[in-house]
Amino acid sequence: MDEVARRAGTNKNALYRRQPNRVALGVVVYRRLAATGTVLPDTGAMPPTHGSGE
């Protein structure tokens, strides 16, 4: 949250007034990106995780 606040030119208190935690902030960001049709770069495949069934 420190880095998010720094990049936004504000402080953590202001962020927490609008979003109660990092998950809520992530949901807001995701929804905004999805609504604007933002194309995210393809950064490659994620490595398999344990228990993924692969």
PDB file of N, CA and C in Angstrom:
ATOM      1  N   MET A   1       0.823  -1.184   0.000  1.00  0.00           N
ATOM      2  CA  MET A   1       0.000   0.000   0.000  1.00  0.00           C
ATOM      3  C   MET A   1       0.875   1.259   0.000  1.00  0.00           C
ATOM      4  N   ASP A   2       2.053   1.151   0.585  1.00  0.00           N
ATOM      5  CA  ASP A   2       2.952   2.306   0.569  1.00  0.00           C
ATOM      6  C   ASP A   2       3.293   2.718  -0.858  1.00  0.00           C
ATOM      7  N   GLU A   3       3.605   1.737  -1.688  1.00  0.00           N
ATOM      8  CA  GLU A   3       3.977   2.024  -3.076  1.00  0.00           C
ATOM      9  C   GLU A   3       2.784   2.549  -3.867  1.00  0.00           C
ATOM     10  N   VAL A   4       1.619   1.992  -3.644  1.00  0.00           N
ATOM     11  CA  VAL A   4       0.412   2.480  -4.319  1.00  0.00           C
ATOM     12  C   VAL A   4       0.164   3.932  -3.944  1.00  0.00           C
ATOM     13  N   ALA A   5       0.252   4.228  -2.664  1.00  0.00           N
ATOM     14  CA  ALA A   5       0.036   5.604  -2.199  1.00  0.00           C
ATOM     15  C   ALA A   5       1.077   6.544  -2.789  1.00  0.00           C
ATOM     16  N   ARG A   6       2.321   6.117  -2.816  1.00  0.00           N
ATOM     17  CA  ARG A   6       3.376   6.971  -3.359  1.00  0.00           C
ATOM     18  C   ARG A   6       3.112   7.284  -4.829  1.00  0.00           C
ATOM     19  N   ARG A   7       2.781   6.240  -5.605  1.00  0.00           N
ATOM     20  CA  ARG A   7       2.537   6.442  -7.037  1.00  0.00           C
ATOM     21  C   ARG A   7       1.294   7.283  -7.289  1.00  0.00           C
ATOM     22  N   ALA A   8       0.334   7.216  -6.394  1.00  0.00           N
ATOM     23  CA  ALA A   8      -0.896   7.997  -6.543  1.00  0.00           C
ATOM     24  C   ALA A   8      -0.736   9.417  -6.017  1.00  0.00           C
ATOM     25  N   GLY A   9       0.386   9.697  -5.370  1.00  0.00           N
ATOM     26  CA  GLY A   9       0.611  11.038  -4.837  1.00  0.00           C
ATOM     27  C   GLY A   9      -0.232  11.330  -3.615  1.00  0.00           C
ATOM     28  N   THR A  10      -0.469  10.305  -2.808  1.00  0.00           N
ATOM     29  CA  THR A  10      -1.281  10.470  -1.611  1.00  0.00           C
ATOM     30  C   THR A  10      -0.651   9.680  -0.472  1.00  0.00           C
ATOM     31  N   ASN A  11      -1.416   9.373   0.549  1.00  0.00           N
ATOM     32  CA  ASN A  11      -0.880   8.571   1.656  1.00  0.00           C
ATOM     33  C   ASN A  11      -1.789   7.378   1.920  1.00  0.00           C
ATOM     34  N   LYS A  12      -1.297   6.454   2.741  1.00  0.00           N
ATOM     35  CA  LYS A  12      -2.060   5.234   3.018  1.00  0.00           C
ATOM     36  C   LYS A  12      -3.391   5.533   3.692  1.00  0.00           C
ATOM     37  N   ASN A  13      -3.432   6.526   4.543  1.00  0.00           N
ATOM     38  CA  ASN A  13      -4.695   6.854   5.219  1.00  0.00           C
ATOM     39  C   ASN A  13      -5.785   7.176   4.211  1.00  0.00           C
ATOM     40  N   ALA A  14      -5.443   7.925   3.176  1.00  0.00           N
ATOM     41  CA  ALA A  14      -6.420   8.277   2.145  1.00  0.00           C
ATOM     42  C   ALA A  14      -6.879   7.026   1.401  1.00  0.00           C
ATOM     43  N   LEU A  15      -5.956   6.104   1.120  1.00  0.00           N
ATOM     44  CA  LEU A  15      -6.333   4.865   0.446  1.00  0.00           C
ATOM     45  C   LEU A  15      -7.294   4.051   1.304  1.00  0.00           C
ATOM     46  N   TYR A  16      -6.974   3.918   2.588  1.00  0.00           N
ATOM     47  CA  TYR A  16      -7.807   3.107   3.477  1.00  0.00           C
ATOM     48  C   TYR A  16      -9.167   3.746   3.754  1.00  0.00           C
ATOM     49  N   ARG A  17      -9.299   5.054   3.538  1.00  0.00           N
ATOM     50  CA  ARG A  17     -10.619   5.678   3.675  1.00  0.00           C
ATOM     51  C   ARG A  17     -11.542   5.213   2.555  1.00  0.00           C
ATOM     52  N   ARG A  18     -10.966   4.915   1.386  1.00  0.00           N
ATOM     53  CA  ARG A  18     -11.769   4.496   0.239  1.00  0.00           C
ATOM     54  C   ARG A  18     -11.885   2.976   0.122  1.00  0.00           C
ATOM     55  N   GLN A  19     -10.828   2.252   0.478  1.00  0.00           N
ATOM     56  CA  GLN A  19     -10.809   0.790   0.371  1.00  0.00           C
ATOM     57  C   GLN A  19     -10.301   0.214   1.688  1.00  0.00           C
ATOM     58  N   PRO A  20     -11.001  -0.761   2.250  1.00  0.00           N
ATOM     59  CA  PRO A  20     -10.616  -1.263   3.574  1.00  0.00           C
ATOM     60  C   PRO A  20      -9.339  -2.102   3.599  1.00  0.00           C
ATOM     61  N   ASN A  21      -8.939  -2.667   2.422  1.00  0.00           N
ATOM     62  CA  ASN A  21      -7.752  -3.514   2.411  1.00  0.00           C
ATOM     63  C   ASN A  21      -7.230  -3.663   0.980  1.00  0.00           C
ATOM     64  N   ARG A  22      -6.127  -4.383   0.828  1.00  0.00           N
ATOM     65  CA  ARG A  22      -5.505  -4.556  -0.498  1.00  0.00           C
ATOM     66  C   ARG A  22      -6.391  -5.336  -1.455  1.00  0.00           C
ATOM     67  N   VAL A  23      -7.118  -6.300  -0.949  1.00  0.00           N
ATOM     68  CA  VAL A  23      -7.993  -7.101  -1.810  1.00  0.00           C
ATOM     69  C   VAL A  23      -9.077  -6.211  -2.422  1.00  0.00           C
ATOM     70  N   ALA A  24      -9.693  -5.390  -1.608  1.00  0.00           N
ATOM     71  CA  ALA A  24     -10.737  -4.485  -2.106  1.00  0.00           C
ATOM     72  C   ALA A  24     -10.164  -3.530  -3.142  1.00  0.00           C
ATOM     73  N   LEU A  25      -8.973  -3.028  -2.904  1.00  0.00           N
ATOM     74  CA  LEU A  25      -8.319  -2.144  -3.863  1.00  0.00           C
ATOM     75  C   LEU A  25      -8.051  -2.883  -5.169  1.00  0.00           C
ATOM     76  N   GLY A  26      -7.589  -4.122  -5.075  1.00  0.00           N
ATOM     77  CA  GLY A  26      -7.336  -4.919  -6.263  1.00  0.00           C
ATOM     78  C   GLY A  26      -8.601  -5.156  -7.084  1.00  0.00           C
ATOM     79  N   VAL A  27      -9.710  -5.386  -6.416  1.00  0.00           N
ATOM     80  CA  VAL A  27     -10.983  -5.596  -7.115  1.00  0.00           C
ATOM     81  C   VAL A  27     -11.386  -4.328  -7.870  1.00  0.00           C
ATOM     82  N   VAL A  28     -11.238  -3.193  -7.230  1.00  0.00           N
ATOM     83  CA  VAL A  28     -11.579  -1.924  -7.881  1.00  0.00           C
ATOM     84  C   VAL A  28     -10.700  -1.705  -9.110  1.00  0.00           C
ATOM     85  N   VAL A  29      -9.418  -1.952  -8.974  1.00  0.00           N
ATOM     86  CA  VAL A  29      -8.497  -1.776 -10.096  1.00  0.00           C
ATOM     87  C   VAL A  29      -8.853  -2.739 -11.221  1.00  0.00           C
ATOM     88  N   TYR A  30      -9.099  -3.996 -10.897  1.00  0.00           N
ATOM     89  CA  TYR A  30      -9.468  -4.985 -11.908  1.00  0.00           C
ATOM     90  C   TYR A  30     -10.729  -4.565 -12.658  1.00  0.00           C
ATOM     91  N   ARG A  31     -11.738  -4.159 -11.932  1.00  0.00           N
ATOM     92  CA  ARG A  31     -12.992  -3.757 -12.574  1.00  0.00           C
ATOM     93  C   ARG A  31     -12.786  -2.557 -13.493  1.00  0.00           C
ATOM     94  N   ARG A  32     -11.977  -1.614 -13.054  1.00  0.00           N
ATOM     95  CA  ARG A  32     -11.724  -0.433 -13.883  1.00  0.00           C
ATOM     96  C   ARG A  32     -10.973  -0.823 -15.156  1.00  0.00           C
ATOM     97  N   LEU A  33      -9.978  -1.681 -15.034  1.00  0.00           N
ATOM     98  CA  LEU A  33      -9.229  -2.119 -16.215  1.00  0.00           C
ATOM     99  C   LEU A  33     -10.135  -2.901 -17.164  1.00  0.00           C
ATOM    100  N   ALA A  34     -10.994  -3.768 -16.615  1.00  0.00           N
ATOM    101  CA  ALA A  34     -11.891  -4.560 -17.448  1.00  0.00           C
ATOM    102  C   ALA A  34     -12.907  -3.671 -18.156  1.00  0.00           C
ATOM    103  N   ALA A  35     -13.399  -2.654 -17.473  1.00  0.00           N
ATOM    104  CA  ALA A  35     -14.415  -1.776 -18.050  1.00  0.00           C
ATOM    105  C   ALA A  35     -13.855  -0.910 -19.172  1.00  0.00           C
ATOM    106  N   THR A  36     -12.579  -0.569 -19.087  1.00  0.00           N
ATOM    107  CA  THR A  36     -11.989   0.299 -20.107  1.00  0.00           C
ATOM    108  C   THR A  36     -11.405  -0.498 -21.261  1.00  0.00           C
ATOM    109  N   GLY A  37     -11.444  -1.824 -21.162  1.00  0.00           N
ATOM    110  CA  GLY A  37     -10.906  -2.650 -22.237  1.00  0.00           C
ATOM    111  C   GLY A  37      -9.394  -2.605 -22.329  1.00  0.00           C
ATOM    112  N   THR A  38      -8.733  -2.324 -21.223  1.00  0.00           N
ATOM    113  CA  THR A  38      -7.277  -2.273 -21.188  1.00  0.00           C
ATOM    114  C   THR A  38      -6.694  -3.629 -21.555  1.00  0.00           C
ATOM    115  N   VAL A  39      -5.766  -3.633 -22.491  1.00  0.00           N
ATOM    116  CA  VAL A  39      -5.101  -4.865 -22.894  1.00  0.00           C
ATOM    117  C   VAL A  39      -3.803  -4.982 -22.098  1.00  0.00           C
ATOM    118  N   LEU A  40      -3.714  -6.033 -21.309  1.00  0.00           N
ATOM    119  CA  LEU A  40      -2.518  -6.250 -20.507  1.00  0.00           C
ATOM    120  C   LEU A  40      -1.484  -7.005 -21.335  1.00  0.00           C
ATOM    121  N   PRO A  41      -0.209  -6.737 -21.126  1.00  0.00           N
ATOM    122  CA  PRO A  41       0.823  -7.419 -21.902  1.00  0.00           C
ATOM    123  C   PRO A  41       0.913  -8.899 -21.531  1.00  0.00           C
ATOM    124  N   ASP A  42       1.253  -9.719 -22.516  1.00  0.00           N
ATOM    125  CA  ASP A  42       1.470 -11.138 -22.272  1.00  0.00           C
ATOM    126  C   ASP A  42       2.886 -11.288 -21.732  1.00  0.00           C
ATOM    127  N   THR A  43       2.999 -11.627 -20.467  1.00  0.00           N
ATOM    128  CA  THR A  43       4.320 -11.740 -19.842  1.00  0.00           C
ATOM    129  C   THR A  43       4.776 -13.183 -19.715  1.00  0.00           C
ATOM    130  N   GLY A  44       4.107 -14.081 -20.419  1.00  0.00           N
ATOM    131  CA  GLY A  44       4.511 -15.485 -20.392  1.00  0.00           C
ATOM    132  C   GLY A  44       3.622 -16.305 -19.492  1.00  0.00           C
ATOM    133  N   ALA A  45       3.851 -17.599 -19.513  1.00  0.00           N
ATOM    134  CA  ALA A  45       3.057 -18.529 -18.727  1.00  0.00           C
ATOM    135  C   ALA A  45       3.516 -18.541 -17.280  1.00  0.00           C
ATOM    136  N   MET A  46       2.564 -18.776 -16.406  1.00  0.00           N
ATOM    137  CA  MET A  46       2.901 -18.915 -14.991  1.00  0.00           C
ATOM    138  C   MET A  46       3.389 -20.330 -14.750  1.00  0.00           C
ATOM    139  N   PRO A  47       4.347 -20.511 -13.861  1.00  0.00           N
ATOM    140  CA  PRO A  47       4.797 -21.866 -13.556  1.00  0.00           C
ATOM    141  C   PRO A  47       3.702 -22.624 -12.822  1.00  0.00           C
ATOM    142  N   PRO A  48       3.646 -23.938 -13.028  1.00  0.00           N
ATOM    143  CA  PRO A  48       2.614 -24.713 -12.324  1.00  0.00           C
ATOM    144  C   PRO A  48       2.828 -24.645 -10.804  1.00  0.00           C
ATOM    145  N   THR A  49       1.731 -24.725 -10.080  1.00  0.00           N
ATOM    146  CA  THR A  49       1.816 -24.718  -8.620  1.00  0.00           C
ATOM    147  C   THR A  49       1.536 -26.121  -8.109  1.00  0.00           C
ATOM    148  N   HIS A  50       1.931 -26.378  -6.879  1.00  0.00           N
ATOM    149  CA  HIS A  50       1.685 -27.685  -6.266  1.00  0.00           C
ATOM    150  C   HIS A  50       0.189 -27.889  -6.108  1.00  0.00           C
ATOM    151  N   GLY A  51      -0.267 -29.070  -6.427  1.00  0.00           N
ATOM    152  CA  GLY A  51      -1.669 -29.389  -6.253  1.00  0.00           C
ATOM    153  C   GLY A  51      -2.557 -28.878  -7.359  1.00  0.00           C
ATOM    154  N   SER A  52      -1.976 -28.427  -8.472  1.00  0.00           N
ATOM    155  CA  SER A  52      -2.790 -27.898  -9.548  1.00  0.00           C
ATOM    156  C   SER A  52      -3.384 -28.982 -10.427  1.00  0.00           C
ATOM    157  N   GLY A  53      -2.987 -30.231 -10.193  1.00  0.00           N
ATOM    158  CA  GLY A  53      -3.521 -31.335 -10.961  1.00  0.00           C
ATOM    159  C   GLY A  53      -2.811 -31.568 -12.282  1.00  0.00           C
ATOM    160  N   GLU A  54      -1.740 -30.874 -12.502  1.00  0.00           N
ATOM    161  CA  GLU A  54      -0.995 -31.028 -13.762  1.00  0.00           C
ATOM    162  C   GLU A  54       0.254 -31.822 -13.549  1.00  0.00           C
TER     163      GLU A  54
END
